[in-house]
N, C-alpha and C. Protein backbone atom coordinates (compact mmCIF):
# COMPACT_ATOMS: atom_id res chain seq x y z
N MET A 1 -19.50 100.55 -25.86
CA MET A 1 -20.50 101.21 -26.66
C MET A 1 -21.22 102.21 -25.76
N SER A 2 -21.35 103.42 -26.23
CA SER A 2 -21.99 104.45 -25.42
C SER A 2 -23.50 104.23 -25.39
N SER A 3 -24.14 104.87 -24.44
CA SER A 3 -25.59 104.69 -24.30
C SER A 3 -26.33 105.27 -25.50
N MET A 4 -25.81 106.34 -26.10
CA MET A 4 -26.46 106.92 -27.27
C MET A 4 -26.40 105.95 -28.46
N GLU A 5 -25.28 105.27 -28.61
CA GLU A 5 -25.17 104.27 -29.68
C GLU A 5 -26.13 103.12 -29.45
N MET A 6 -26.30 102.72 -28.21
CA MET A 6 -27.23 101.63 -27.90
C MET A 6 -28.67 102.03 -28.20
N VAL A 7 -29.02 103.29 -27.90
CA VAL A 7 -30.37 103.78 -28.19
C VAL A 7 -30.60 103.81 -29.70
N ILE A 8 -29.63 104.29 -30.45
CA ILE A 8 -29.75 104.34 -31.91
C ILE A 8 -29.86 102.93 -32.48
N LEU A 9 -29.06 102.01 -31.97
CA LEU A 9 -29.11 100.62 -32.43
C LEU A 9 -30.47 99.99 -32.12
N GLY A 10 -31.00 100.26 -30.94
CA GLY A 10 -32.32 99.74 -30.59
C GLY A 10 -33.41 100.31 -31.47
N ALA A 11 -33.34 101.61 -31.77
CA ALA A 11 -34.33 102.24 -32.64
C ALA A 11 -34.25 101.66 -34.05
N MET A 12 -33.04 101.44 -34.53
CA MET A 12 -32.88 100.85 -35.86
C MET A 12 -33.42 99.43 -35.91
N THR A 13 -33.24 98.68 -34.83
CA THR A 13 -33.76 97.31 -34.77
C THR A 13 -35.28 97.31 -34.82
N ILE A 14 -35.90 98.20 -34.06
CA ILE A 14 -37.36 98.28 -34.05
C ILE A 14 -37.88 98.70 -35.41
N LEU A 15 -37.23 99.67 -36.06
CA LEU A 15 -37.64 100.09 -37.40
C LEU A 15 -37.48 98.95 -38.40
N LEU A 16 -36.43 98.17 -38.28
CA LEU A 16 -36.23 97.04 -39.17
C LEU A 16 -37.34 96.00 -38.99
N LEU A 17 -37.72 95.74 -37.75
CA LEU A 17 -38.80 94.78 -37.50
C LEU A 17 -40.12 95.26 -38.11
N PHE A 18 -40.42 96.56 -37.97
CA PHE A 18 -41.64 97.10 -38.57
C PHE A 18 -41.57 97.05 -40.09
N TRP A 19 -40.39 97.23 -40.65
CA TRP A 19 -40.23 97.21 -42.10
C TRP A 19 -40.42 95.80 -42.65
N LEU A 20 -39.94 94.80 -41.93
CA LEU A 20 -40.01 93.41 -42.38
C LEU A 20 -41.30 92.70 -41.96
N ARG A 21 -42.12 93.35 -41.15
CA ARG A 21 -43.30 92.71 -40.58
C ARG A 21 -44.26 92.13 -41.61
N PRO A 22 -44.59 92.83 -42.71
CA PRO A 22 -45.52 92.22 -43.68
C PRO A 22 -44.98 90.92 -44.29
N GLY A 23 -43.71 90.88 -44.58
CA GLY A 23 -43.12 89.66 -45.14
C GLY A 23 -43.11 88.52 -44.14
N ILE A 24 -42.82 88.84 -42.89
CA ILE A 24 -42.82 87.81 -41.84
C ILE A 24 -44.22 87.27 -41.63
N LYS A 25 -45.20 88.18 -41.64
CA LYS A 25 -46.59 87.76 -41.44
C LYS A 25 -47.05 86.84 -42.58
N ALA A 26 -46.68 87.16 -43.81
CA ALA A 26 -47.05 86.32 -44.96
C ALA A 26 -46.34 84.98 -44.89
N ALA A 27 -45.08 84.96 -44.47
CA ALA A 27 -44.34 83.71 -44.37
C ALA A 27 -44.94 82.79 -43.31
N VAL A 28 -45.37 83.36 -42.20
CA VAL A 28 -46.00 82.56 -41.14
C VAL A 28 -47.32 81.99 -41.64
N ALA A 29 -48.09 82.79 -42.39
CA ALA A 29 -49.36 82.30 -42.93
C ALA A 29 -49.13 81.16 -43.92
N ARG A 30 -48.12 81.29 -44.78
CA ARG A 30 -47.81 80.20 -45.72
C ARG A 30 -47.31 78.96 -44.98
N GLY A 31 -46.58 79.17 -43.91
CA GLY A 31 -46.04 78.05 -43.14
C GLY A 31 -47.13 77.24 -42.45
N LYS A 32 -48.19 77.91 -42.03
CA LYS A 32 -49.29 77.20 -41.38
C LYS A 32 -50.06 76.35 -42.37
N GLN A 33 -50.08 76.75 -43.64
CA GLN A 33 -50.82 76.00 -44.66
C GLN A 33 -49.99 74.88 -45.27
N ALA A 34 -48.70 74.94 -45.13
CA ALA A 34 -47.82 73.94 -45.74
C ALA A 34 -47.85 72.64 -44.93
N PRO A 35 -47.68 71.51 -45.60
CA PRO A 35 -47.62 70.24 -44.85
C PRO A 35 -46.35 70.17 -44.01
N ALA A 36 -46.47 69.56 -42.87
CA ALA A 36 -45.33 69.45 -41.96
C ALA A 36 -44.37 68.37 -42.47
N ASP A 37 -43.11 68.72 -42.59
CA ASP A 37 -42.09 67.79 -43.05
C ASP A 37 -40.96 67.81 -42.02
N TRP A 38 -41.16 67.09 -40.92
CA TRP A 38 -40.21 67.13 -39.81
C TRP A 38 -38.91 66.42 -40.14
N ARG A 39 -38.94 65.50 -41.09
CA ARG A 39 -37.72 64.78 -41.44
C ARG A 39 -36.67 65.74 -42.00
N SER A 40 -37.13 66.74 -42.75
CA SER A 40 -36.19 67.70 -43.32
C SER A 40 -35.56 68.58 -42.26
N LEU A 41 -36.13 68.63 -41.08
CA LEU A 41 -35.53 69.37 -39.97
C LEU A 41 -34.59 68.49 -39.16
N PHE A 42 -35.05 67.29 -38.83
CA PHE A 42 -34.29 66.44 -37.92
C PHE A 42 -33.08 65.77 -38.56
N LEU A 43 -33.13 65.50 -39.85
CA LEU A 43 -31.99 64.85 -40.51
C LEU A 43 -30.74 65.74 -40.48
N PRO A 44 -30.79 66.98 -40.94
CA PRO A 44 -29.58 67.82 -40.84
C PRO A 44 -29.17 68.11 -39.40
N LEU A 45 -30.15 68.28 -38.53
CA LEU A 45 -29.86 68.53 -37.12
C LEU A 45 -29.13 67.34 -36.51
N GLY A 46 -29.59 66.14 -36.81
CA GLY A 46 -28.93 64.94 -36.31
C GLY A 46 -27.52 64.78 -36.85
N LEU A 47 -27.33 65.12 -38.12
CA LEU A 47 -26.00 65.05 -38.71
C LEU A 47 -25.05 66.04 -38.05
N VAL A 48 -25.53 67.23 -37.76
CA VAL A 48 -24.69 68.23 -37.08
C VAL A 48 -24.32 67.75 -35.69
N VAL A 49 -25.28 67.18 -34.96
CA VAL A 49 -25.01 66.68 -33.61
C VAL A 49 -23.98 65.56 -33.66
N MET A 50 -24.13 64.65 -34.60
CA MET A 50 -23.16 63.56 -34.71
C MET A 50 -21.77 64.09 -35.09
N PHE A 51 -21.71 65.09 -35.94
CA PHE A 51 -20.42 65.68 -36.32
C PHE A 51 -19.76 66.36 -35.12
N VAL A 52 -20.54 67.06 -34.31
CA VAL A 52 -19.98 67.71 -33.12
C VAL A 52 -19.48 66.67 -32.14
N ILE A 53 -20.23 65.60 -31.94
CA ILE A 53 -19.78 64.52 -31.05
C ILE A 53 -18.49 63.90 -31.59
N PHE A 54 -18.40 63.72 -32.90
CA PHE A 54 -17.18 63.21 -33.52
C PHE A 54 -16.01 64.14 -33.26
N LEU A 55 -16.22 65.44 -33.42
CA LEU A 55 -15.14 66.40 -33.18
C LEU A 55 -14.69 66.39 -31.72
N ILE A 56 -15.64 66.28 -30.80
CA ILE A 56 -15.28 66.23 -29.38
C ILE A 56 -14.50 64.95 -29.08
N ALA A 57 -14.91 63.84 -29.69
CA ALA A 57 -14.22 62.58 -29.44
C ALA A 57 -12.80 62.57 -30.01
N MET A 58 -12.55 63.37 -31.03
CA MET A 58 -11.22 63.42 -31.65
C MET A 58 -10.21 64.19 -30.81
N VAL A 59 -10.67 64.96 -29.84
CA VAL A 59 -9.73 65.78 -29.04
C VAL A 59 -9.05 64.94 -28.00
């Protein structure tokens, strides 16, 4: 990738972040007010870890 393409890609990334910033800010504000439900995070994460361990053990 040429340096000009990298500069254009970086500029597009920064513009995308500025474009999405209001939505991200609102989502973070709603997330702080929502009750914490850690089980909904750890259950799928644990299942994925167990599946990966199973796949490694099968080799």
